[in-house]
Amino acid sequence: MNSRKAIDDGIYDITETLPKSEIDLEESIKNNVHASLITEIKFSSPAEGNIRQISDPLQIADSMISGGAKALSILTQPYLFNGSPEYFIKI
């Protein structure tokens, strides 16, 4: 099961429109005096299987940002990563 199946299954058929972020990622990274962290929210991977218990992605994102993340990668692929477009929308 892969991304093509997720597309065929309509997983990404979303009608919501999200506002554009006012944060300039490039500027945020350039202006950071420390190493810039881009963190990833994923619950499983094809290589490792389940990485962590599925929990509130918004709470995870808040913790990552509080910990210094300058950007978040939110995996939405359901079959390989236990992701969901809803996670992206929620965050």
PDB file of N, CA and C in Angstrom:
ATOM      1  N   MET A   1       0.855  -1.181   0.000  1.00  0.00           N
ATOM      2  CA  MET A   1       0.000   0.000   0.000  1.00  0.00           C
ATOM      3  C   MET A   1       0.893   1.234   0.000  1.00  0.00           C
ATOM      4  N   ASN A   2       0.665   2.106  -0.923  1.00  0.00           N
ATOM      5  CA  ASN A   2       1.548   3.258  -1.055  1.00  0.00           C
ATOM      6  C   ASN A   2       0.767   4.537  -1.318  1.00  0.00           C
ATOM      7  N   SER A   3       1.499   5.544  -1.725  1.00  0.00           N
ATOM      8  CA  SER A   3       0.876   6.851  -1.956  1.00  0.00           C
ATOM      9  C   SER A   3      -0.150   6.813  -3.082  1.00  0.00           C
ATOM     10  N   ARG A   4       0.108   6.052  -4.122  1.00  0.00           N
ATOM     11  CA  ARG A   4      -0.845   5.958  -5.233  1.00  0.00           C
ATOM     12  C   ARG A   4      -2.176   5.409  -4.722  1.00  0.00           C
ATOM     13  N   LYS A   5      -2.120   4.410  -3.853  1.00  0.00           N
ATOM     14  CA  LYS A   5      -3.347   3.852  -3.281  1.00  0.00           C
ATOM     15  C   LYS A   5      -4.074   4.908  -2.455  1.00  0.00           C
ATOM     16  N   ALA A   6      -3.324   5.692  -1.686  1.00  0.00           N
ATOM     17  CA  ALA A   6      -3.942   6.756  -0.879  1.00  0.00           C
ATOM     18  C   ALA A   6      -4.657   7.759  -1.777  1.00  0.00           C
ATOM     19  N   ILE A   7      -4.039   8.085  -2.898  1.00  0.00           N
ATOM     20  CA  ILE A   7      -4.667   9.005  -3.857  1.00  0.00           C
ATOM     21  C   ILE A   7      -5.916   8.360  -4.444  1.00  0.00           C
ATOM     22  N   ASP A   8      -5.772   7.111  -4.890  1.00  0.00           N
ATOM     23  CA  ASP A   8      -6.914   6.398  -5.473  1.00  0.00           C
ATOM     24  C   ASP A   8      -8.059   6.232  -4.474  1.00  0.00           C
ATOM     25  N   ASP A   9      -7.722   6.087  -3.196  1.00  0.00           N
ATOM     26  CA  ASP A   9      -8.736   5.928  -2.151  1.00  0.00           C
ATOM     27  C   ASP A   9      -9.383   7.251  -1.748  1.00  0.00           C
ATOM     28  N   GLY A  10      -8.907   8.362  -2.309  1.00  0.00           N
ATOM     29  CA  GLY A  10      -9.502   9.664  -2.013  1.00  0.00           C
ATOM     30  C   GLY A  10      -9.029  10.288  -0.714  1.00  0.00           C
ATOM     31  N   ILE A  11      -7.948   9.763  -0.150  1.00  0.00           N
ATOM     32  CA  ILE A  11      -7.433  10.280   1.125  1.00  0.00           C
ATOM     33  C   ILE A  11      -7.127  11.774   1.032  1.00  0.00           C
ATOM     34  N   TYR A  12      -6.650  12.211  -0.118  1.00  0.00           N
ATOM     35  CA  TYR A  12      -6.228  13.605  -0.270  1.00  0.00           C
ATOM     36  C   TYR A  12      -7.289  14.502  -0.903  1.00  0.00           C
ATOM     37  N   ASP A  13      -8.507  14.009  -1.038  1.00  0.00           N
ATOM     38  CA  ASP A  13      -9.605  14.820  -1.571  1.00  0.00           C
ATOM     39  C   ASP A  13     -10.121  15.727  -0.455  1.00  0.00           C
ATOM     40  N   ILE A  14      -9.558  16.900  -0.368  1.00  0.00           N
ATOM     41  CA  ILE A  14      -9.857  17.821   0.726  1.00  0.00           C
ATOM     42  C   ILE A  14     -10.436  19.101   0.143  1.00  0.00           C
ATOM     43  N   THR A  15     -11.449  19.619   0.793  1.00  0.00           N
ATOM     44  CA  THR A  15     -12.073  20.849   0.310  1.00  0.00           C
ATOM     45  C   THR A  15     -11.662  22.068   1.127  1.00  0.00           C
ATOM     46  N   GLU A  16     -10.977  21.843   2.250  1.00  0.00           N
ATOM     47  CA  GLU A  16     -10.572  22.971   3.093  1.00  0.00           C
ATOM     48  C   GLU A  16      -9.453  23.771   2.449  1.00  0.00           C
ATOM     49  N   THR A  17      -9.519  25.082   2.643  1.00  0.00           N
ATOM     50  CA  THR A  17      -8.450  25.976   2.216  1.00  0.00           C
ATOM     51  C   THR A  17      -7.787  26.524   3.469  1.00  0.00           C
ATOM     52  N   LEU A  18      -6.483  26.379   3.534  1.00  0.00           N
ATOM     53  CA  LEU A  18      -5.748  26.834   4.710  1.00  0.00           C
ATOM     54  C   LEU A  18      -5.091  28.176   4.431  1.00  0.00           C
ATOM     55  N   PRO A  19      -5.014  29.034   5.446  1.00  0.00           N
ATOM     56  CA  PRO A  19      -4.345  30.326   5.240  1.00  0.00           C
ATOM     57  C   PRO A  19      -2.843  30.122   5.065  1.00  0.00           C
ATOM     58  N   LYS A  20      -2.235  30.998   4.285  1.00  0.00           N
ATOM     59  CA  LYS A  20      -0.789  30.953   4.081  1.00  0.00           C
ATOM     60  C   LYS A  20      -0.103  31.418   5.360  1.00  0.00           C
ATOM     61  N   SER A  21       0.955  30.730   5.720  1.00  0.00           N
ATOM     62  CA  SER A  21       1.715  31.103   6.912  1.00  0.00           C
ATOM     63  C   SER A  21       2.381  32.456   6.702  1.00  0.00           C
ATOM     64  N   GLU A  22       2.449  33.230   7.759  1.00  0.00           N
ATOM     65  CA  GLU A  22       3.138  34.517   7.697  1.00  0.00           C
ATOM     66  C   GLU A  22       4.617  34.370   8.032  1.00  0.00           C
ATOM     67  N   ILE A  23       5.040  33.166   8.376  1.00  0.00           N
ATOM     68  CA  ILE A  23       6.438  32.914   8.719  1.00  0.00           C
ATOM     69  C   ILE A  23       7.223  32.622   7.446  1.00  0.00           C
ATOM     70  N   ASP A  24       8.329  33.319   7.266  1.00  0.00           N
ATOM     71  CA  ASP A  24       9.217  33.089   6.133  1.00  0.00           C
ATOM     72  C   ASP A  24      10.268  32.076   6.583  1.00  0.00           C
ATOM     73  N   LEU A  25      10.160  30.841   6.107  1.00  0.00           N
ATOM     74  CA  LEU A  25      11.052  29.777   6.550  1.00  0.00           C
ATOM     75  C   LEU A  25      12.512  30.107   6.260  1.00  0.00           C
ATOM     76  N   GLU A  26      12.785  30.598   5.071  1.00  0.00           N
ATOM     77  CA  GLU A  26      14.169  30.919   4.710  1.00  0.00           C
ATOM     78  C   GLU A  26      14.749  31.961   5.662  1.00  0.00           C
ATOM     79  N   GLU A  27      14.001  33.012   5.940  1.00  0.00           N
ATOM     80  CA  GLU A  27      14.475  34.054   6.856  1.00  0.00           C
ATOM     81  C   GLU A  27      14.625  33.518   8.274  1.00  0.00           C
ATOM     82  N   SER A  28      13.702  32.689   8.686  1.00  0.00           N
ATOM     83  CA  SER A  28      13.761  32.108  10.023  1.00  0.00           C
ATOM     84  C   SER A  28      15.038  31.288  10.201  1.00  0.00           C
ATOM     85  N   ILE A  29      15.395  30.531   9.191  1.00  0.00           N
ATOM     86  CA  ILE A  29      16.617  29.723   9.252  1.00  0.00           C
ATOM     87  C   ILE A  29      17.856  30.609   9.194  1.00  0.00           C
ATOM     88  N   LYS A  30      17.869  31.575   8.293  1.00  0.00           N
ATOM     89  CA  LYS A  30      19.031  32.467   8.153  1.00  0.00           C
ATOM     90  C   LYS A  30      19.281  33.285   9.415  1.00  0.00           C
ATOM     91  N   ASN A  31      18.219  33.713  10.083  1.00  0.00           N
ATOM     92  CA  ASN A  31      18.352  34.587  11.246  1.00  0.00           C
ATOM     93  C   ASN A  31      18.553  33.833  12.554  1.00  0.00           C
ATOM     94  N   ASN A  32      18.532  32.531  12.514  1.00  0.00           N
ATOM     95  CA  ASN A  32      18.703  31.735  13.724  1.00  0.00           C
ATOM     96  C   ASN A  32      20.194  31.608  14.041  1.00  0.00           C
ATOM     97  N   VAL A  33      20.583  31.937  15.260  1.00  0.00           N
ATOM     98  CA  VAL A  33      22.001  31.868  15.629  1.00  0.00           C
ATOM     99  C   VAL A  33      22.422  30.436  15.968  1.00  0.00           C
ATOM    100  N   HIS A  34      21.468  29.564  16.210  1.00  0.00           N
ATOM    101  CA  HIS A  34      21.758  28.164  16.520  1.00  0.00           C
ATOM    102  C   HIS A  34      21.386  27.303  15.309  1.00  0.00           C
ATOM    103  N   ALA A  35      21.678  26.033  15.400  1.00  0.00           N
ATOM    104  CA  ALA A  35      21.278  25.113  14.333  1.00  0.00           C
ATOM    105  C   ALA A  35      19.756  25.139  14.201  1.00  0.00           C
ATOM    106  N   SER A  36      19.278  25.256  12.987  1.00  0.00           N
ATOM    107  CA  SER A  36      17.830  25.291  12.744  1.00  0.00           C
ATOM    108  C   SER A  36      17.287  23.871  12.658  1.00  0.00           C
ATOM    109  N   LEU A  37      16.301  23.585  13.465  1.00  0.00           N
ATOM    110  CA  LEU A  37      15.686  22.264  13.464  1.00  0.00           C
ATOM    111  C   LEU A  37      14.434  22.258  12.603  1.00  0.00           C
ATOM    112  N   ILE A  38      14.364  21.297  11.702  1.00  0.00           N
ATOM    113  CA  ILE A  38      13.139  21.008  10.967  1.00  0.00           C
ATOM    114  C   ILE A  38      12.746  19.609  11.430  1.00  0.00           C
ATOM    115  N   THR A  39      11.687  19.527  12.208  1.00  0.00           N
ATOM    116  CA  THR A  39      11.309  18.261  12.831  1.00  0.00           C
ATOM    117  C   THR A  39      10.164  17.601  12.066  1.00  0.00           C
ATOM    118  N   GLU A  40       9.990  16.321  12.320  1.00  0.00           N
ATOM    119  CA  GLU A  40       9.043  15.530  11.546  1.00  0.00           C
ATOM    120  C   GLU A  40       8.039  14.842  12.466  1.00  0.00           C
ATOM    121  N   ILE A  41       6.777  14.958  12.106  1.00  0.00           N
ATOM    122  CA  ILE A  41       5.726  14.258  12.841  1.00  0.00           C
ATOM    123  C   ILE A  41       5.324  13.038  12.020  1.00  0.00           C
ATOM    124  N   LYS A  42       5.715  11.869  12.526  1.00  0.00           N
ATOM    125  CA  LYS A  42       5.293  10.620  11.888  1.00  0.00           C
ATOM    126  C   LYS A  42       5.192   9.547  12.957  1.00  0.00           C
ATOM    127  N   PHE A  43       4.275   8.641  12.749  1.00  0.00           N
ATOM    128  CA  PHE A  43       3.993   7.620  13.745  1.00  0.00           C
ATOM    129  C   PHE A  43       4.551   6.255  13.370  1.00  0.00           C
ATOM    130  N   SER A  44       4.868   6.045  12.107  1.00  0.00           N
ATOM    131  CA  SER A  44       5.487   4.791  11.689  1.00  0.00           C
ATOM    132  C   SER A  44       6.259   5.035  10.402  1.00  0.00           C
ATOM    133  N   SER A  45       7.079   4.056  10.041  1.00  0.00           N
ATOM    134  CA  SER A  45       7.838   4.149   8.797  1.00  0.00           C
ATOM    135  C   SER A  45       7.928   2.762   8.178  1.00  0.00           C
ATOM    136  N   PRO A  46       8.142   2.687   6.870  1.00  0.00           N
ATOM    137  CA  PRO A  46       8.257   1.379   6.229  1.00  0.00           C
ATOM    138  C   PRO A  46       9.426   0.563   6.794  1.00  0.00           C
ATOM    139  N   ALA A  47      10.503   1.226   7.156  1.00  0.00           N
ATOM    140  CA  ALA A  47      11.689   0.519   7.648  1.00  0.00           C
ATOM    141  C   ALA A  47      11.573   0.109   9.113  1.00  0.00           C
ATOM    142  N   GLU A  48      10.958   0.959   9.935  1.00  0.00           N
ATOM    143  CA  GLU A  48      10.930   0.730  11.382  1.00  0.00           C
ATOM    144  C   GLU A  48       9.590   0.228  11.910  1.00  0.00           C
ATOM    145  N   GLY A  49       8.553   0.271  11.094  1.00  0.00           N
ATOM    146  CA  GLY A  49       7.227  -0.085  11.597  1.00  0.00           C
ATOM    147  C   GLY A  49       6.706   1.020  12.499  1.00  0.00           C
ATOM    148  N   ASN A  50       5.976   0.668  13.541  1.00  0.00           N
ATOM    149  CA  ASN A  50       5.445   1.675  14.463  1.00  0.00           C
ATOM    150  C   ASN A  50       6.580   2.308  15.253  1.00  0.00           C
ATOM    151  N   ILE A  51       6.635   3.639  15.225  1.00  0.00           N
ATOM    152  CA  ILE A  51       7.673   4.394  15.924  1.00  0.00           C
ATOM    153  C   ILE A  51       7.151   4.873  17.269  1.00  0.00           C
ATOM    154  N   ARG A  52       5.920   5.328  17.270  1.00  0.00           N
ATOM    155  CA  ARG A  52       5.304   5.823  18.504  1.00  0.00           C
ATOM    156  C   ARG A  52       3.802   5.621  18.410  1.00  0.00           C
ATOM    157  N   GLN A  53       3.160   5.663  19.561  1.00  0.00           N
ATOM    158  CA  GLN A  53       1.708   5.536  19.606  1.00  0.00           C
ATOM    159  C   GLN A  53       1.087   6.775  18.963  1.00  0.00           C
ATOM    160  N   ILE A  54       0.059   6.572  18.170  1.00  0.00           N
ATOM    161  CA  ILE A  54      -0.629   7.703  17.559  1.00  0.00           C
ATOM    162  C   ILE A  54      -1.263   8.531  18.664  1.00  0.00           C
ATOM    163  N   SER A  55      -0.926   9.804  18.687  1.00  0.00           N
ATOM    164  CA  SER A  55      -1.458  10.721  19.695  1.00  0.00           C
ATOM    165  C   SER A  55      -1.765  12.055  19.025  1.00  0.00           C
ATOM    166  N   ASP A  56      -2.110  13.042  19.807  1.00  0.00           N
ATOM    167  CA  ASP A  56      -2.545  14.334  19.285  1.00  0.00           C
ATOM    168  C   ASP A  56      -1.408  15.039  18.538  1.00  0.00           C
ATOM    169  N   PRO A  57      -1.507  15.162  17.223  1.00  0.00           N
ATOM    170  CA  PRO A  57      -0.432  15.796  16.463  1.00  0.00           C
ATOM    171  C   PRO A  57      -0.237  17.269  16.816  1.00  0.00           C
ATOM    172  N   LEU A  58      -1.293  17.943  17.234  1.00  0.00           N
ATOM    173  CA  LEU A  58      -1.164  19.351  17.619  1.00  0.00           C
ATOM    174  C   LEU A  58      -0.305  19.481  18.875  1.00  0.00           C
ATOM    175  N   GLN A  59      -0.505  18.604  19.814  1.00  0.00           N
ATOM    176  CA  GLN A  59       0.308  18.616  21.037  1.00  0.00           C
ATOM    177  C   GLN A  59       1.774  18.302  20.706  1.00  0.00           C
ATOM    178  N   ILE A  60       2.000  17.354  19.813  1.00  0.00           N
ATOM    179  CA  ILE A  60       3.362  17.027  19.390  1.00  0.00           C
ATOM    180  C   ILE A  60       3.996  18.240  18.720  1.00  0.00           C
ATOM    181  N   ALA A  61       3.253  18.891  17.824  1.00  0.00           N
ATOM    182  CA  ALA A  61       3.765  20.076  17.125  1.00  0.00           C
ATOM    183  C   ALA A  61       4.108  21.183  18.108  1.00  0.00           C
ATOM    184  N   ASP A  62       3.238  21.434  19.072  1.00  0.00           N
ATOM    185  CA  ASP A  62       3.507  22.463  20.085  1.00  0.00           C
ATOM    186  C   ASP A  62       4.788  22.155  20.847  1.00  0.00           C
ATOM    187  N   SER A  63       4.989  20.892  21.203  1.00  0.00           N
ATOM    188  CA  SER A  63       6.205  20.497  21.919  1.00  0.00           C
ATOM    189  C   SER A  63       7.443  20.700  21.057  1.00  0.00           C
ATOM    190  N   MET A  64       7.340  20.369  19.791  1.00  0.00           N
ATOM    191  CA  MET A  64       8.476  20.534  18.886  1.00  0.00           C
ATOM    192  C   MET A  64       8.831  22.008  18.717  1.00  0.00           C
ATOM    193  N   ILE A  65       7.824  22.848  18.561  1.00  0.00           N
ATOM    194  CA  ILE A  65       8.067  24.285  18.406  1.00  0.00           C
ATOM    195  C   ILE A  65       8.636  24.860  19.697  1.00  0.00           C
ATOM    196  N   SER A  66       8.094  24.443  20.834  1.00  0.00           N
ATOM    197  CA  SER A  66       8.628  24.896  22.125  1.00  0.00           C
ATOM    198  C   SER A  66      10.077  24.460  22.301  1.00  0.00           C
ATOM    199  N   GLY A  67      10.428  23.328  21.707  1.00  0.00           N
ATOM    200  CA  GLY A  67      11.789  22.811  21.790  1.00  0.00           C
ATOM    201  C   GLY A  67      12.751  23.435  20.802  1.00  0.00           C
ATOM    202  N   GLY A  68      12.259  24.339  19.962  1.00  0.00           N
ATOM    203  CA  GLY A  68      13.145  25.059  19.059  1.00  0.00           C
ATOM    204  C   GLY A  68      12.999  24.762  17.583  1.00  0.00           C
ATOM    205  N   ALA A  69      12.045  23.933  17.196  1.00  0.00           N
ATOM    206  CA  ALA A  69      11.857  23.642  15.774  1.00  0.00           C
ATOM    207  C   ALA A  69      11.476  24.910  15.017  1.00  0.00           C
ATOM    208  N   LYS A  70      12.104  25.114  13.875  1.00  0.00           N
ATOM    209  CA  LYS A  70      11.785  26.258  13.019  1.00  0.00           C
ATOM    210  C   LYS A  70      10.762  25.890  11.950  1.00  0.00           C
ATOM    211  N   ALA A  71      10.618  24.597  11.691  1.00  0.00           N
ATOM    212  CA  ALA A  71       9.645  24.124  10.702  1.00  0.00           C
ATOM    213  C   ALA A  71       9.240  22.704  11.073  1.00  0.00           C
ATOM    214  N   LEU A  72       8.075  22.307  10.598  1.00  0.00           N
ATOM    215  CA  LEU A  72       7.563  20.967  10.855  1.00  0.00           C
ATOM    216  C   LEU A  72       7.285  20.258   9.540  1.00  0.00           C
ATOM    217  N   SER A  73       7.669  19.006   9.469  1.00  0.00           N
ATOM    218  CA  SER A  73       7.286  18.130   8.376  1.00  0.00           C
ATOM    219  C   SER A  73       6.196  17.221   8.931  1.00  0.00           C
ATOM    220  N   ILE A  74       5.016  17.299   8.362  1.00  0.00           N
ATOM    221  CA  ILE A  74       3.870  16.545   8.871  1.00  0.00           C
ATOM    222  C   ILE A  74       3.501  15.500   7.823  1.00  0.00           C
ATOM    223  N   LEU A  75       3.800  14.249   8.123  1.00  0.00           N
ATOM    224  CA  LEU A  75       3.543  13.201   7.150  1.00  0.00           C
ATOM    225  C   LEU A  75       2.054  12.889   7.098  1.00  0.00           C
ATOM    226  N   THR A  76       1.523  12.867   5.892  1.00  0.00           N
ATOM    227  CA  THR A  76       0.091  12.663   5.705  1.00  0.00           C
ATOM    228  C   THR A  76      -0.235  11.315   5.068  1.00  0.00           C
ATOM    229  N   GLN A  77       0.763  10.564   4.655  1.00  0.00           N
ATOM    230  CA  GLN A  77       0.541   9.283   3.989  1.00  0.00           C
ATOM    231  C   GLN A  77       0.079   8.251   5.029  1.00  0.00           C
ATOM    232  N   PRO A  78      -1.134   7.704   4.859  1.00  0.00           N
ATOM    233  CA  PRO A  78      -1.696   6.844   5.900  1.00  0.00           C
ATOM    234  C   PRO A  78      -1.134   5.421   5.946  1.00  0.00           C
ATOM    235  N   TYR A  79      -0.790   4.853   4.809  1.00  0.00           N
ATOM    236  CA  TYR A  79      -0.463   3.433   4.774  1.00  0.00           C
ATOM    237  C   TYR A  79       0.967   3.129   5.212  1.00  0.00           C
ATOM    238  N   LEU A  80       1.882   4.006   4.912  1.00  0.00           N
ATOM    239  CA  LEU A  80       3.279   3.769   5.269  1.00  0.00           C
ATOM    240  C   LEU A  80       3.700   4.479   6.549  1.00  0.00           C
ATOM    241  N   PHE A  81       3.035   5.602   6.868  1.00  0.00           N
ATOM    242  CA  PHE A  81       3.484   6.438   7.979  1.00  0.00           C
ATOM    243  C   PHE A  81       2.408   6.691   9.041  1.00  0.00           C
ATOM    244  N   ASN A  82       1.248   6.074   8.901  1.00  0.00           N
ATOM    245  CA  ASN A  82       0.116   6.339   9.801  1.00  0.00           C
ATOM    246  C   ASN A  82      -0.208   7.829   9.879  1.00  0.00           C
ATOM    247  N   GLY A  83      -0.028   8.514   8.771  1.00  0.00           N
ATOM    248  CA  GLY A  83      -0.327   9.936   8.713  1.00  0.00           C
ATOM    249  C   GLY A  83      -1.752  10.184   8.259  1.00  0.00           C
ATOM    250  N   SER A  84      -2.099  11.456   8.192  1.00  0.00           N
ATOM    251  CA  SER A  84      -3.430  11.851   7.743  1.00  0.00           C
ATOM    252  C   SER A  84      -3.396  13.313   7.314  1.00  0.00           C
ATOM    253  N   PRO A  85      -4.071  13.661   6.229  1.00  0.00           N
ATOM    254  CA  PRO A  85      -4.194  15.075   5.884  1.00  0.00           C
ATOM    255  C   PRO A  85      -4.822  15.881   7.022  1.00  0.00           C
ATOM    256  N   GLU A  86      -5.640  15.230   7.830  1.00  0.00           N
ATOM    257  CA  GLU A  86      -6.267  15.921   8.961  1.00  0.00           C
ATOM    258  C   GLU A  86      -5.224  16.432   9.953  1.00  0.00           C
ATOM    259  N   TYR A  87      -4.102  15.724  10.077  1.00  0.00           N
ATOM    260  CA  TYR A  87      -3.033  16.193  10.969  1.00  0.00           C
ATOM    261  C   TYR A  87      -2.505  17.533  10.477  1.00  0.00           C
ATOM    262  N   PHE A  88      -2.280  17.628   9.173  1.00  0.00           N
ATOM    263  CA  PHE A  88      -1.772  18.867   8.580  1.00  0.00           C
ATOM    264  C   PHE A  88      -2.774  19.997   8.780  1.00  0.00           C
ATOM    265  N   ILE A  89      -4.032  19.708   8.535  1.00  0.00           N
ATOM    266  CA  ILE A  89      -5.081  20.721   8.692  1.00  0.00           C
ATOM    267  C   ILE A  89      -5.176  21.171  10.150  1.00  0.00           C
ATOM    268  N   LYS A  90      -5.112  20.234  11.062  1.00  0.00           N
ATOM    269  CA  LYS A  90      -5.236  20.542  12.487  1.00  0.00           C
ATOM    270  C   LYS A  90      -4.087  21.421  12.975  1.00  0.00           C
ATOM    271  N   ILE A  91      -2.884  21.118  12.510  1.00  0.00           N
ATOM    272  CA  ILE A  91      -1.706  21.869  12.962  1.00  0.00           C
ATOM    273  C   ILE A  91      -1.661  23.216  12.278  1.00  0.00           C
TER     274      ILE A  91
END
